[in-house]
Structure formats: structure tokens, C-alpha cells
Amino acid sequence: MTLWLEEGVYCYVVRSTFLDESGILRPAHSVKNMEIMIDNAQKGLPSCRIERIDKEAAHELIPGLYVPLDLAFHMPQALTVNSQCYLKALYSACQLSAKESPNSGGALKELRLHKKPINRLLDLAGEYDAVIICLGARAAFLPELSGRIPLRTCRGIIAHLKVDDDVRDGYPADSPSILSDAWIAFHGPQDLRVGATWDWNSRNYSRGVSREEGNKAIEELLHRKASAMYPAIKNMTTVTGMSGGLRAVPPLTPQGSLPLLGCVDEFVSGNQTDNKFWLLTGLGSRGLLYHGWVGKLMARAVLSRDEGLIPYELISWKSII
């Protein structure tokens, strides 16, 4: 269970609204992929178990799954998260935390959402002690930051599928999600998501998907990738919708693709001593794992007005622009 605050009313919401705990299954499709996963299985934490299973065991979990090398990796404790629902719950949890945590002087904190159009970031300078820019890929579209942050954009489309009623009885509702060339996320007995496409350098951040774009995505995701690893999916599901988004992809470093953090006063106001404007973007696909840690780093630096509190690896992007 997780605590939810909605319109001033406290209530409990079951975790299954945004979290599936049925695990994840990854078939090995190449020798290189197999070696990487075996290495991960050997070095993984005991609390994050990775089991090596054969085709027969994989078919007990997901009948008909394509397992070409007679080897799959089962992560029974892995979680499948509905990010949209999770973020709504996270915001509500932050509201609750603020309400229950008084300042040192006894005054209550409050978290509010304000929507206000602005022409430039400097329009916010007089209202707030600090401004943290958390716009994902759209941070690169801001006039003050355009061409100044090393982000690549990549549009992705996800297909929403419903398991047909006439096959539901023979369908394992507690199946683990599948990770391969595409991924299939199971969200209960009839709800599936298949993703995702990669359209590099697109600047389309719309959540909506055009008919042409949707048809192209269905051909790639469902007819080519998903059906290759799980052939039954084409005959047991109906497409109910599509959703899109724009990835903010940071540059590759010797440590991997790391988020971009830091003070950006020099780009916004030209004054490098104010410590007023800050950037947090480029979390990438691992952002769900470390967004809390990165958020704490940013909050500590902003409150202290000290960029030096952020690890160098996360601000080193400023030296390559």
C-alpha cells in the first residue's frame, strides 16, 4: 500500500495501481547478450536475484516464448512500473511530506503547483530564491539553453494492447514482463504495453500519436519485434491506443550516460555568482532507479548555493559544450 493525498483527503491506494511485482524475463538472443547477462547474474546483489533457466522453465512462465539459445534470465523480484501513475503518486507523497514536516520555526511547509506562461526564464528571477529546470528533453528547446546543453533527442512510441476476452482463460495473468529487442510489460490480466520505437533527432514531444506514426510503430513493435519473441501476441490482443514521448539522451562518458546537473546562471543571466538557475535533465532509462538520489544531490546544492556539492561526473558536461 502507498499513502495518497488527493484534494485534501487522505486515502490508501494499492501499489498495483502503478506497480507490477511479477518479475521480468529476458531470453538470451545472442552469445554476447548471454555472456553479459551471465556476468550480471554472478555479480548481482543477493537482494536482486537473477536466475538462469532453460527453455522449458521459461515456457512454464510464458508459454510459447521464443528462447533460441535454450537460455533465459528470470528476475523474480524485478518490478514493472507504470511511470505516469508512479509520478502522480510521488507528487502526492511530496505534498503529504511537506504538510507533515514543519520548518524549524514551526511554520508549515506547502507544496503547490502553479501554471504560468513565461517568455524567458529570467521572468522567474524575482519570484523565487531558486529555479530548477526539470523539463526533460524540452530543456534543450528553451531559448537560453538551446545549443548549450549536450542533449540528443529521441522520440519513442508505446503501443497499448488489450488481451481479447476469448483467450483470457488460457492466458497467464501473472506472467513476468518480457525484455528483448522490444519489451512487453504486463499490467494485469488484460492490459499490456509494448515498446518502444527510437526516432533519433525528432523534436516532437507530443504524447499524442498521429495515425501514420501509429501505423508505423505497430508494424515495428507488434508485427516485427514483439511477435518474433512472443508469437501468440498478434492473435490474442487488440491495439487500444498509442502514446508518445521525447527522450533526453545525455552524452556517453567513460562512466556511461549520466544525468546533467548543475547551475546554469551563465546561460540564463550571464551572472555566475547568483546560483539562481539550476538544471536537472538527461536521467535516461535508469532515471527511475536513481531519481531520488539525484534529487537529493540537487536539493542540497541549491539550498547551500554550492554546485561543488554535486559529484563532478554529473557536472562535467559543462566542460565539453
Protein backbone atom coordinates (compact mmCIF):
# COMPACT_ATOMS: atom_id res chain seq x y z
CA MET A 1 0.00 0.00 0.00
CA THR A 2 1.07 3.58 -0.51
CA LEU A 3 -0.31 6.75 1.06
CA TRP A 4 -2.08 9.08 -1.37
CA LEU A 5 -3.26 12.63 -0.81
CA GLU A 6 -5.95 13.86 -3.17
CA GLU A 7 -7.84 17.16 -2.76
CA GLY A 8 -7.04 17.27 0.93
CA VAL A 9 -8.40 13.78 1.64
CA TYR A 10 -6.16 11.00 2.94
CA CYS A 11 -6.70 7.57 1.49
CA TYR A 12 -4.77 4.42 0.71
CA VAL A 13 -4.10 3.26 -2.82
CA VAL A 14 -2.98 -0.28 -3.60
CA ARG A 15 0.51 -0.42 -5.09
CA SER A 16 -0.82 -2.36 -8.07
CA THR A 17 -2.14 0.91 -9.49
CA PHE A 18 1.40 1.66 -10.67
CA LEU A 19 3.48 -1.40 -9.80
CA ASP A 20 3.51 -4.99 -11.03
CA GLU A 21 5.59 -7.43 -9.00
CA SER A 22 5.51 -10.46 -11.31
CA GLY A 23 9.17 -10.15 -12.27
CA ILE A 24 10.94 -9.81 -15.63
CA LEU A 25 12.09 -12.49 -18.08
CA ARG A 26 14.88 -11.88 -20.62
CA PRO A 27 15.59 -14.56 -23.26
CA ALA A 28 19.18 -14.73 -24.50
CA HIS A 29 19.24 -13.91 -28.22
CA SER A 30 23.00 -13.75 -28.87
CA VAL A 31 26.20 -15.07 -27.37
CA LYS A 32 27.26 -11.53 -26.42
CA ASN A 33 23.94 -10.86 -24.72
CA MET A 34 24.19 -14.20 -22.94
CA GLU A 35 27.71 -13.50 -21.63
CA ILE A 36 26.72 -10.06 -20.33
CA MET A 37 23.70 -11.45 -18.50
CA ILE A 38 25.67 -14.36 -17.04
CA ASP A 39 28.22 -11.86 -15.72
CA ASN A 40 25.41 -9.74 -14.25
CA ALA A 41 23.90 -12.82 -12.63
CA GLN A 42 27.21 -13.70 -10.98
CA LYS A 43 27.92 -10.17 -9.75
CA GLY A 44 24.40 -9.12 -8.83
CA LEU A 45 23.30 -8.29 -5.30
CA PRO A 46 21.67 -11.14 -3.34
CA SER A 47 18.56 -8.97 -2.99
CA CYS A 48 18.31 -8.65 -6.81
CA ARG A 49 18.28 -12.28 -7.84
CA ILE A 50 18.89 -13.28 -11.49
CA GLU A 51 18.07 -16.93 -12.25
CA ARG A 52 19.38 -18.77 -15.31
CA ILE A 53 16.62 -21.00 -16.67
CA ASP A 54 16.20 -23.20 -19.76
CA LYS A 55 13.50 -23.05 -22.44
CA GLU A 56 11.22 -25.49 -20.63
CA ALA A 57 11.26 -23.42 -17.44
CA ALA A 58 10.74 -20.23 -19.45
CA HIS A 59 7.68 -21.77 -21.13
CA GLU A 60 6.21 -22.56 -17.72
CA LEU A 61 6.26 -18.83 -17.05
CA ILE A 62 5.26 -17.68 -20.56
CA PRO A 63 4.04 -20.45 -22.90
CA GLY A 64 5.31 -20.06 -26.46
CA LEU A 65 8.09 -17.58 -25.68
CA TYR A 66 10.92 -17.66 -28.25
CA VAL A 67 14.08 -18.90 -26.48
CA PRO A 68 16.59 -19.54 -29.32
CA LEU A 69 19.63 -20.42 -27.18
CA ASP A 70 17.75 -22.54 -24.61
CA LEU A 71 18.61 -19.93 -22.00
CA ALA A 72 16.68 -17.13 -20.37
CA PHE A 73 17.27 -14.93 -17.34
CA HIS A 74 14.46 -14.67 -14.82
CA MET A 75 14.42 -11.78 -12.35
CA PRO A 76 11.57 -12.78 -10.00
CA GLN A 77 11.92 -9.72 -7.77
CA ALA A 78 12.06 -7.20 -10.61
CA LEU A 79 9.30 -4.61 -10.83
CA THR A 80 7.35 -3.24 -13.77
CA VAL A 81 6.37 0.37 -13.07
CA ASN A 82 3.66 2.44 -14.75
CA SER A 83 5.65 5.67 -14.77
CA GLN A 84 2.70 8.03 -15.26
CA CYS A 85 0.81 6.61 -12.28
CA TYR A 86 4.01 6.45 -10.24
CA LEU A 87 4.81 10.13 -10.82
CA LYS A 88 1.30 11.15 -9.75
CA ALA A 89 1.68 9.13 -6.57
CA LEU A 90 5.16 10.58 -5.98
CA TYR A 91 3.84 14.14 -6.29
CA SER A 92 1.05 13.35 -3.83
CA ALA A 93 3.59 11.84 -1.42
CA CYS A 94 5.66 15.05 -1.66
CA GLN A 95 2.57 17.11 -0.85
CA LEU A 96 1.94 14.98 2.20
CA SER A 97 5.57 15.12 3.31
CA ALA A 98 5.60 18.92 3.07
CA LYS A 99 2.40 19.18 5.07
CA GLU A 100 3.69 16.94 7.85
CA SER A 101 7.19 18.49 8.10
CA PRO A 102 7.19 21.91 9.83
CA ASN A 103 10.08 24.32 9.38
CA SER A 104 12.48 24.89 12.24
CA GLY A 105 10.48 27.97 13.21
CA GLY A 106 7.28 25.96 13.44
CA ALA A 107 5.75 27.26 10.20
CA LEU A 108 4.22 24.66 7.93
CA LYS A 109 5.66 23.91 4.52
CA GLU A 110 3.42 23.73 1.50
CA LEU A 111 3.82 22.31 -1.99
CA ARG A 112 1.75 23.93 -4.72
CA LEU A 113 1.52 23.56 -8.46
CA HIS A 114 1.41 26.89 -10.31
CA LYS A 115 0.90 27.09 -14.06
CA LYS A 116 2.08 30.33 -15.61
CA PRO A 117 3.25 31.18 -19.14
CA ILE A 118 6.60 32.98 -19.37
CA ASN A 119 8.59 34.38 -22.27
CA ARG A 120 12.00 33.71 -20.75
CA LEU A 121 13.49 32.11 -17.66
CA LEU A 122 14.52 35.47 -16.24
CA ASP A 123 10.82 36.22 -15.76
CA LEU A 124 11.00 33.89 -12.75
CA ALA A 125 14.06 35.51 -11.19
CA GLY A 126 12.25 37.93 -8.92
CA GLU A 127 9.68 35.48 -7.57
CA TYR A 128 11.82 32.63 -6.31
CA ASP A 129 15.03 32.04 -4.39
CA ALA A 130 15.99 29.36 -6.92
CA VAL A 131 14.64 27.88 -10.15
CA ILE A 132 15.32 24.23 -11.04
CA ILE A 133 14.68 23.41 -14.70
CA CYS A 134 13.31 19.86 -14.96
CA LEU A 135 11.83 19.74 -18.45
CA GLY A 136 13.46 16.60 -19.78
CA ALA A 137 14.20 16.88 -23.49
CA ARG A 138 12.31 20.17 -23.72
CA ALA A 139 15.02 21.89 -21.69
CA ALA A 140 17.05 21.93 -24.91
CA PHE A 141 14.27 23.96 -26.58
CA LEU A 142 14.44 26.86 -24.12
CA PRO A 143 15.97 29.93 -25.81
CA GLU A 144 18.55 30.39 -23.07
CA LEU A 145 19.68 26.75 -23.21
CA SER A 146 19.24 25.89 -26.89
CA GLY A 147 22.56 24.69 -28.30
CA ARG A 148 24.20 24.94 -24.88
CA ILE A 149 23.41 21.59 -23.29
CA PRO A 150 24.67 18.35 -24.89
CA LEU A 151 21.37 16.54 -25.17
CA ARG A 152 20.21 14.43 -28.08
CA THR A 153 16.50 13.95 -28.54
CA CYS A 154 14.82 10.70 -29.47
CA ARG A 155 11.09 10.14 -29.83
CA GLY A 156 9.58 6.88 -28.64
CA ILE A 157 6.15 5.32 -29.19
CA ILE A 158 4.48 2.75 -26.93
CA ALA A 159 1.57 0.53 -28.01
CA HIS A 160 -1.30 -0.16 -25.59
CA LEU A 161 -2.83 -3.63 -26.03
CA LYS A 162 -5.81 -5.47 -24.55
CA VAL A 163 -5.92 -9.25 -24.29
CA ASP A 164 -9.03 -10.48 -26.10
CA ASP A 165 -11.79 -11.92 -23.91
CA ASP A 166 -11.91 -15.25 -25.74
CA VAL A 167 -8.28 -16.06 -24.91
CA ARG A 168 -8.13 -14.66 -21.41
CA ASP A 169 -8.82 -18.00 -19.72
CA GLY A 170 -5.69 -19.56 -21.20
CA TYR A 171 -3.52 -16.52 -20.65
CA PRO A 172 -1.20 -16.42 -17.60
CA ALA A 173 -2.28 -13.18 -15.91
CA ASP A 174 0.68 -13.22 -13.52
CA SER A 175 3.26 -13.53 -16.30
CA PRO A 176 6.54 -11.68 -15.86
CA SER A 177 7.22 -8.82 -18.25
CA ILE A 178 9.50 -9.63 -21.21
CA LEU A 179 12.69 -7.77 -22.08
CA SER A 180 14.22 -8.25 -25.53
CA ASP A 181 14.54 -6.25 -28.79
CA ALA A 182 11.22 -4.79 -27.72
CA TRP A 183 9.72 -5.08 -24.25
CA ILE A 184 6.29 -6.32 -23.21
CA ALA A 185 5.00 -5.05 -19.88
CA PHE A 186 2.11 -6.93 -18.29
CA HIS A 187 -0.20 -4.82 -16.15
CA GLY A 188 -2.77 -7.34 -15.02
CA PRO A 189 -4.93 -9.94 -16.78
CA GLN A 190 -5.81 -7.92 -19.89
CA ASP A 191 -3.56 -4.86 -20.05
CA LEU A 192 -0.24 -4.89 -21.93
CA ARG A 193 2.23 -2.29 -23.14
CA VAL A 194 4.77 -2.87 -25.92
CA GLY A 195 7.66 -0.51 -26.55
CA ALA A 196 9.39 1.33 -27.72
CA THR A 197 10.43 2.90 -31.02
CA TRP A 198 13.52 5.08 -31.48
CA ASP A 199 13.25 8.15 -33.72
CA TRP A 200 16.54 9.98 -33.26
CA ASN A 201 16.72 13.77 -33.53
CA SER A 202 12.94 14.14 -33.53
CA ARG A 203 11.70 17.24 -31.72
CA ASN A 204 8.13 16.00 -31.41
CA TYR A 205 7.33 15.85 -27.70
CA SER A 206 3.58 15.31 -28.09
CA ARG A 207 2.06 12.47 -26.08
CA GLY A 208 -0.46 12.05 -28.89
CA VAL A 209 0.40 9.88 -31.89
CA SER A 210 -0.74 10.52 -35.46
CA ARG A 211 -2.33 7.72 -37.50
CA GLU A 212 0.69 7.49 -39.81
CA GLU A 213 3.13 7.41 -36.91
CA GLY A 214 0.97 4.88 -35.07
CA ASN A 215 0.72 2.51 -38.03
CA LYS A 216 4.48 2.61 -38.49
CA ALA A 217 5.04 1.92 -34.79
CA ILE A 218 2.59 -1.02 -34.79
CA GLU A 219 4.37 -2.56 -37.76
CA GLU A 220 7.73 -2.29 -35.98
CA LEU A 221 6.71 -3.11 -32.42
CA LEU A 222 3.94 -5.65 -32.79
CA HIS A 223 4.39 -7.30 -36.18
CA ARG A 224 8.20 -7.44 -36.24
CA LYS A 225 9.70 -7.32 -32.76
CA ALA A 226 7.11 -8.41 -30.19
CA SER A 227 5.64 -11.21 -32.32
CA ALA A 228 9.14 -12.53 -33.04
CA MET A 229 9.82 -13.12 -29.35
CA TYR A 230 6.23 -13.95 -28.33
CA PRO A 231 4.33 -15.16 -31.45
CA ALA A 232 0.98 -15.52 -29.67
CA ILE A 233 0.71 -11.80 -29.02
CA LYS A 234 -0.58 -10.96 -32.52
CA ASN A 235 -3.57 -13.32 -32.29
CA MET A 236 -4.53 -12.69 -28.67
CA THR A 237 -4.55 -8.90 -28.43
CA THR A 238 -6.19 -5.78 -29.83
CA VAL A 239 -4.46 -2.41 -30.06
CA THR A 240 -6.38 0.07 -27.90
CA GLY A 241 -4.12 3.10 -28.14
CA MET A 242 -0.67 4.60 -28.55
CA SER A 243 1.34 7.11 -26.55
CA GLY A 244 4.50 9.00 -27.38
CA GLY A 245 7.24 10.93 -25.67
CA LEU A 246 10.63 12.51 -26.25
CA ARG A 247 13.75 11.10 -24.62
CA ALA A 248 16.52 13.39 -23.39
CA VAL A 249 19.70 11.42 -24.11
CA PRO A 250 22.90 12.71 -22.44
CA PRO A 251 26.36 12.16 -23.96
CA LEU A 252 28.19 8.88 -23.41
CA THR A 253 31.09 9.17 -20.96
CA PRO A 254 33.62 6.60 -19.65
CA GLN A 255 31.19 6.15 -16.73
CA GLY A 256 28.17 5.67 -19.02
CA SER A 257 25.36 8.06 -19.93
CA LEU A 258 24.97 10.24 -16.86
CA PRO A 259 22.36 12.88 -15.96
CA LEU A 260 23.14 16.56 -16.49
CA LEU A 261 23.07 18.61 -13.29
CA GLY A 262 24.41 21.99 -12.31
CA CYS A 263 23.97 25.73 -12.08
CA VAL A 264 23.21 27.41 -15.43
CA ASP A 265 23.28 31.08 -14.41
CA GLU A 266 25.94 31.79 -17.03
CA PHE A 267 23.50 30.79 -19.76
CA VAL A 268 20.38 32.44 -18.32
CA SER A 269 21.54 35.68 -16.73
CA GLY A 270 25.25 35.90 -17.52
CA ASN A 271 25.98 36.19 -13.81
CA GLN A 272 27.82 33.17 -12.45
CA THR A 273 27.61 34.19 -8.78
CA ASP A 274 23.86 34.24 -8.17
CA ASN A 275 23.31 30.46 -8.05
CA LYS A 276 19.71 31.13 -9.04
CA PHE A 277 19.04 28.85 -12.03
CA TRP A 278 19.76 25.12 -11.97
CA LEU A 279 19.35 22.28 -14.45
CA LEU A 280 18.39 18.64 -13.89
CA THR A 281 17.81 16.59 -17.04
CA GLY A 282 19.00 13.59 -19.06
CA LEU A 283 18.15 10.92 -16.49
CA GLY A 284 17.56 8.37 -19.24
CA SER A 285 16.12 4.88 -18.84
CA ARG A 286 17.82 4.43 -15.45
CA GLY A 287 16.25 7.57 -14.06
CA LEU A 288 13.61 5.58 -12.24
CA LEU A 289 16.37 3.88 -10.26
CA TYR A 290 18.30 6.96 -9.13
CA HIS A 291 15.98 9.95 -9.46
CA GLY A 292 15.59 10.11 -5.68
CA TRP A 293 19.34 10.20 -5.11
CA VAL A 294 19.89 12.78 -7.87
CA GLY A 295 17.05 14.88 -6.45
CA LYS A 296 18.70 14.91 -3.03
CA LEU A 297 22.03 15.97 -4.55
CA MET A 298 20.34 18.81 -6.39
CA ALA A 299 18.34 19.96 -3.36
CA ARG A 300 21.45 20.03 -1.17
CA ALA A 301 23.39 22.06 -3.76
CA VAL A 302 20.55 24.52 -4.35
CA LEU A 303 19.88 25.13 -0.65
CA SER A 304 23.61 25.59 0.00
CA ARG A 305 24.12 27.61 -3.20
CA ASP A 306 27.13 25.40 -3.86
CA GLU A 307 27.48 23.49 -7.13
CA GLY A 308 30.56 21.80 -5.68
CA LEU A 309 28.31 19.52 -3.64
CA ILE A 310 27.31 17.75 -6.85
CA PRO A 311 29.70 14.96 -7.98
CA TYR A 312 31.99 16.15 -10.74
CA GLU A 313 30.82 13.40 -13.11
CA LEU A 314 27.33 14.94 -13.15
CA ILE A 315 28.50 18.49 -13.93
CA SER A 316 31.41 17.63 -16.25
CA TRP A 317 29.12 18.18 -19.28
CA LYS A 318 29.72 21.92 -18.81
CA SER A 319 33.35 21.46 -19.84
CA ILE A 320 32.51 19.88 -23.21
CA ILE A 321 29.98 22.38 -24.59
